[in-house]
């Protein structure tokens, strides 16, 4: 399976290429999410597709983070619980 990547602009305005671990649509709130990995840290964001460009929002509430950590842990299947960095 081919890996998926997303380009993230960091706080210093540098573009970083990060591996997408999982994309998921939450039917309860109608929101698209993605979990991505930078080095050994996991991060999450909401996103919406706008003519081929994704607008991302990393401001997630605790309920959203819990949902995504459950998805991530079922996806990676690791014995250790994966935590999403805030």
N, C-alpha and C. Protein backbone atom coordinates (compact mmCIF):
# COMPACT_ATOMS: atom_id res chain seq x y z
N UNK A 1 0.83 -1.18 0.00
CA UNK A 1 0.00 0.00 0.00
C UNK A 1 0.88 1.25 0.00
N UNK A 2 0.56 2.18 -0.87
CA UNK A 2 1.34 3.40 -0.98
C UNK A 2 1.01 4.35 0.17
N UNK A 3 2.05 4.97 0.72
CA UNK A 3 1.85 5.91 1.83
C UNK A 3 1.29 7.22 1.32
N UNK A 4 0.50 7.85 2.18
CA UNK A 4 -0.12 9.15 1.89
C UNK A 4 0.61 10.20 2.73
N UNK A 5 0.84 11.36 2.15
CA UNK A 5 1.53 12.44 2.85
C UNK A 5 0.74 13.73 2.77
N UNK A 6 0.98 14.60 3.73
CA UNK A 6 0.37 15.92 3.75
C UNK A 6 1.49 16.92 4.06
N UNK A 7 1.40 18.09 3.44
CA UNK A 7 2.36 19.15 3.73
C UNK A 7 1.78 20.06 4.80
N UNK A 8 2.55 20.27 5.84
CA UNK A 8 2.15 21.09 6.98
C UNK A 8 3.08 22.30 7.05
N UNK A 9 2.51 23.47 7.29
CA UNK A 9 3.33 24.66 7.52
C UNK A 9 3.46 24.82 9.03
N UNK A 10 4.70 24.75 9.53
CA UNK A 10 4.90 24.82 10.98
C UNK A 10 4.90 26.26 11.48
N UNK A 11 5.10 26.42 12.78
CA UNK A 11 5.03 27.75 13.40
C UNK A 11 6.12 28.70 12.90
N UNK A 12 7.18 28.16 12.29
CA UNK A 12 8.25 28.98 11.73
C UNK A 12 8.09 29.20 10.22
N UNK A 13 6.92 28.83 9.71
CA UNK A 13 6.56 28.97 8.29
C UNK A 13 7.35 28.05 7.37
N UNK A 14 7.89 26.95 7.91
CA UNK A 14 8.56 25.95 7.09
C UNK A 14 7.54 24.89 6.68
N UNK A 15 7.66 24.40 5.46
CA UNK A 15 6.78 23.34 4.98
C UNK A 15 7.41 21.99 5.33
N UNK A 16 6.63 21.15 6.00
CA UNK A 16 7.09 19.82 6.41
C UNK A 16 6.20 18.78 5.75
N UNK A 17 6.79 17.71 5.28
CA UNK A 17 6.04 16.61 4.69
C UNK A 17 5.84 15.57 5.79
N UNK A 18 4.57 15.29 6.13
CA UNK A 18 4.25 14.36 7.21
C UNK A 18 3.42 13.19 6.67
N UNK A 19 3.65 12.02 7.22
CA UNK A 19 2.92 10.83 6.81
C UNK A 19 1.50 10.85 7.39
N UNK A 20 0.51 10.63 6.54
CA UNK A 20 -0.87 10.50 7.00
C UNK A 20 -1.05 9.06 7.47
N UNK A 21 -1.49 8.91 8.71
CA UNK A 21 -1.72 7.58 9.28
C UNK A 21 -3.12 7.10 8.94
N UNK A 22 -4.10 7.98 9.09
CA UNK A 22 -5.48 7.61 8.79
C UNK A 22 -6.31 8.86 8.52
N UNK A 23 -7.24 8.73 7.58
CA UNK A 23 -8.26 9.75 7.33
C UNK A 23 -9.58 9.12 7.72
N UNK A 24 -10.42 9.89 8.39
CA UNK A 24 -11.69 9.33 8.86
C UNK A 24 -12.77 10.41 8.80
N UNK A 25 -13.99 9.97 8.48
CA UNK A 25 -15.14 10.87 8.48
C UNK A 25 -16.00 10.48 9.67
N UNK A 26 -16.32 11.46 10.52
CA UNK A 26 -17.17 11.22 11.68
C UNK A 26 -18.61 11.54 11.26
N UNK A 27 -19.43 10.50 11.16
CA UNK A 27 -20.82 10.69 10.71
C UNK A 27 -21.66 11.47 11.72
N UNK A 28 -21.30 11.40 13.00
CA UNK A 28 -22.07 12.09 14.03
C UNK A 28 -22.01 13.61 13.89
N UNK A 29 -20.83 14.13 13.54
CA UNK A 29 -20.71 15.59 13.43
C UNK A 29 -20.42 16.06 12.00
N UNK A 30 -20.35 15.12 11.05
CA UNK A 30 -20.15 15.48 9.65
C UNK A 30 -18.79 16.09 9.35
N UNK A 31 -17.76 15.67 10.09
CA UNK A 31 -16.44 16.29 9.95
C UNK A 31 -15.42 15.27 9.46
N UNK A 32 -14.54 15.73 8.55
CA UNK A 32 -13.40 14.94 8.10
C UNK A 32 -12.22 15.21 9.02
N UNK A 33 -11.50 14.15 9.37
CA UNK A 33 -10.30 14.28 10.21
C UNK A 33 -9.16 13.52 9.56
N UNK A 34 -7.95 13.91 9.93
CA UNK A 34 -6.80 13.11 9.58
C UNK A 34 -5.86 13.09 10.76
N UNK A 35 -5.20 11.96 10.89
CA UNK A 35 -4.15 11.80 11.90
C UNK A 35 -2.86 11.62 11.12
N UNK A 36 -1.86 12.43 11.47
CA UNK A 36 -0.59 12.35 10.75
C UNK A 36 0.55 12.25 11.75
N UNK A 37 1.70 11.84 11.23
CA UNK A 37 2.86 11.60 12.09
C UNK A 37 4.02 12.47 11.63
N UNK A 38 4.63 13.15 12.58
CA UNK A 38 5.84 13.93 12.33
C UNK A 38 6.89 13.43 13.31
N UNK A 39 7.93 12.83 12.75
CA UNK A 39 8.95 12.14 13.55
C UNK A 39 8.25 11.04 14.33
N UNK A 40 8.22 11.05 15.61
CA UNK A 40 7.55 9.98 16.38
C UNK A 40 6.29 10.46 17.08
N UNK A 41 5.81 11.66 16.73
CA UNK A 41 4.62 12.24 17.35
C UNK A 41 3.43 12.13 16.41
N UNK A 42 2.26 11.86 16.97
CA UNK A 42 1.02 11.87 16.21
C UNK A 42 0.29 13.20 16.43
N UNK A 43 -0.31 13.72 15.36
CA UNK A 43 -1.08 14.95 15.41
C UNK A 43 -2.40 14.72 14.67
N UNK A 44 -3.38 15.55 14.94
CA UNK A 44 -4.68 15.41 14.28
C UNK A 44 -5.20 16.77 13.87
N UNK A 45 -6.07 16.74 12.86
CA UNK A 45 -6.68 17.98 12.37
C UNK A 45 -8.02 17.66 11.72
N UNK A 46 -8.89 18.66 11.74
CA UNK A 46 -10.11 18.63 10.94
C UNK A 46 -9.70 19.18 9.58
N UNK A 47 -10.39 18.74 8.54
CA UNK A 47 -10.09 19.34 7.25
C UNK A 47 -11.32 19.35 6.35
N UNK A 48 -11.29 20.26 5.40
CA UNK A 48 -12.31 20.28 4.36
C UNK A 48 -11.61 20.51 3.04
N UNK A 49 -12.09 19.79 2.02
CA UNK A 49 -11.51 19.92 0.69
C UNK A 49 -12.12 21.13 0.00
N UNK A 50 -11.26 22.00 -0.50
CA UNK A 50 -11.72 23.17 -1.24
C UNK A 50 -10.94 23.18 -2.56
N UNK A 51 -11.59 22.75 -3.62
CA UNK A 51 -10.99 22.69 -4.97
C UNK A 51 -9.56 22.15 -4.97
N UNK A 52 -9.38 20.95 -4.40
CA UNK A 52 -8.08 20.30 -4.42
C UNK A 52 -7.13 20.72 -3.31
N UNK A 53 -7.48 21.72 -2.54
CA UNK A 53 -6.64 22.19 -1.44
C UNK A 53 -7.37 21.88 -0.14
N UNK A 54 -6.66 21.38 0.83
CA UNK A 54 -7.29 21.08 2.12
C UNK A 54 -7.03 22.21 3.09
N UNK A 55 -8.11 22.70 3.67
CA UNK A 55 -8.00 23.69 4.74
C UNK A 55 -8.07 22.90 6.05
N UNK A 56 -7.01 23.00 6.87
CA UNK A 56 -6.92 22.22 8.10
C UNK A 56 -7.08 23.10 9.32
N UNK A 57 -7.66 22.50 10.36
CA UNK A 57 -7.86 23.18 11.64
C UNK A 57 -7.43 22.21 12.73
N UNK A 58 -6.41 22.57 13.49
CA UNK A 58 -5.90 21.70 14.53
C UNK A 58 -6.52 21.97 15.90
N UNK A 59 -7.48 22.87 15.96
CA UNK A 59 -8.15 23.21 17.22
C UNK A 59 -9.26 22.18 17.48
N UNK A 60 -8.91 21.09 18.16
CA UNK A 60 -9.84 20.00 18.43
C UNK A 60 -10.19 19.96 19.91
N UNK A 61 -11.45 19.63 20.20
CA UNK A 61 -11.84 19.51 21.60
C UNK A 61 -11.51 18.11 22.13
N UNK A 62 -11.67 17.91 23.42
CA UNK A 62 -11.31 16.64 24.06
C UNK A 62 -12.09 15.46 23.48
N UNK A 63 -13.37 15.68 23.18
CA UNK A 63 -14.21 14.61 22.60
C UNK A 63 -13.67 14.18 21.23
N UNK A 64 -13.27 15.15 20.42
CA UNK A 64 -12.70 14.84 19.11
C UNK A 64 -11.37 14.10 19.26
N UNK A 65 -10.52 14.55 20.18
CA UNK A 65 -9.24 13.87 20.40
C UNK A 65 -9.44 12.44 20.89
N UNK A 66 -10.39 12.23 21.80
CA UNK A 66 -10.67 10.87 22.28
C UNK A 66 -11.13 9.97 21.13
N UNK A 67 -12.02 10.49 20.28
CA UNK A 67 -12.50 9.74 19.12
C UNK A 67 -11.33 9.35 18.22
N UNK A 68 -10.45 10.31 17.93
CA UNK A 68 -9.33 10.06 17.02
C UNK A 68 -8.28 9.15 17.63
N UNK A 69 -8.06 9.24 18.94
CA UNK A 69 -7.12 8.32 19.59
C UNK A 69 -7.65 6.89 19.53
N UNK A 70 -8.96 6.70 19.68
CA UNK A 70 -9.55 5.36 19.54
C UNK A 70 -9.37 4.83 18.12
N UNK A 71 -9.61 5.68 17.13
CA UNK A 71 -9.42 5.29 15.74
C UNK A 71 -7.95 4.94 15.50
N UNK A 72 -7.05 5.79 15.96
CA UNK A 72 -5.62 5.58 15.77
C UNK A 72 -5.17 4.27 16.40
N UNK A 73 -5.58 4.02 17.62
CA UNK A 73 -5.16 2.80 18.31
C UNK A 73 -5.70 1.55 17.64
N UNK A 74 -6.90 1.60 17.10
CA UNK A 74 -7.42 0.43 16.38
C UNK A 74 -6.70 0.26 15.05
N UNK A 75 -6.23 1.36 14.47
CA UNK A 75 -5.55 1.30 13.19
C UNK A 75 -4.11 0.80 13.32
N UNK A 76 -3.35 1.32 14.27
CA UNK A 76 -1.95 0.93 14.41
C UNK A 76 -1.80 -0.43 15.06
N UNK A 77 -2.79 -0.85 15.86
CA UNK A 77 -2.76 -2.17 16.47
C UNK A 77 -1.55 -2.40 17.35
N UNK A 78 -1.06 -1.37 17.96
CA UNK A 78 0.13 -1.45 18.80
C UNK A 78 -0.29 -1.84 20.22
N UNK A 79 0.60 -2.53 20.91
CA UNK A 79 0.34 -2.88 22.31
C UNK A 79 0.33 -1.64 23.20
N UNK A 80 1.09 -0.64 22.82
CA UNK A 80 1.14 0.62 23.57
C UNK A 80 0.06 1.55 23.03
N UNK A 81 -0.56 2.29 23.91
CA UNK A 81 -1.60 3.22 23.50
C UNK A 81 -0.98 4.45 22.85
N UNK A 82 -1.41 4.76 21.62
CA UNK A 82 -0.91 5.94 20.90
C UNK A 82 -1.65 7.18 21.41
N UNK A 83 -0.90 8.23 21.64
CA UNK A 83 -1.46 9.49 22.13
C UNK A 83 -1.25 10.56 21.06
N UNK A 84 -2.27 11.35 20.81
CA UNK A 84 -2.16 12.45 19.85
C UNK A 84 -1.68 13.68 20.60
N UNK A 85 -0.61 14.29 20.08
CA UNK A 85 -0.06 15.50 20.70
C UNK A 85 -0.97 16.68 20.42
N UNK A 86 -1.07 17.56 21.41
CA UNK A 86 -1.91 18.76 21.23
C UNK A 86 -1.05 19.94 20.90
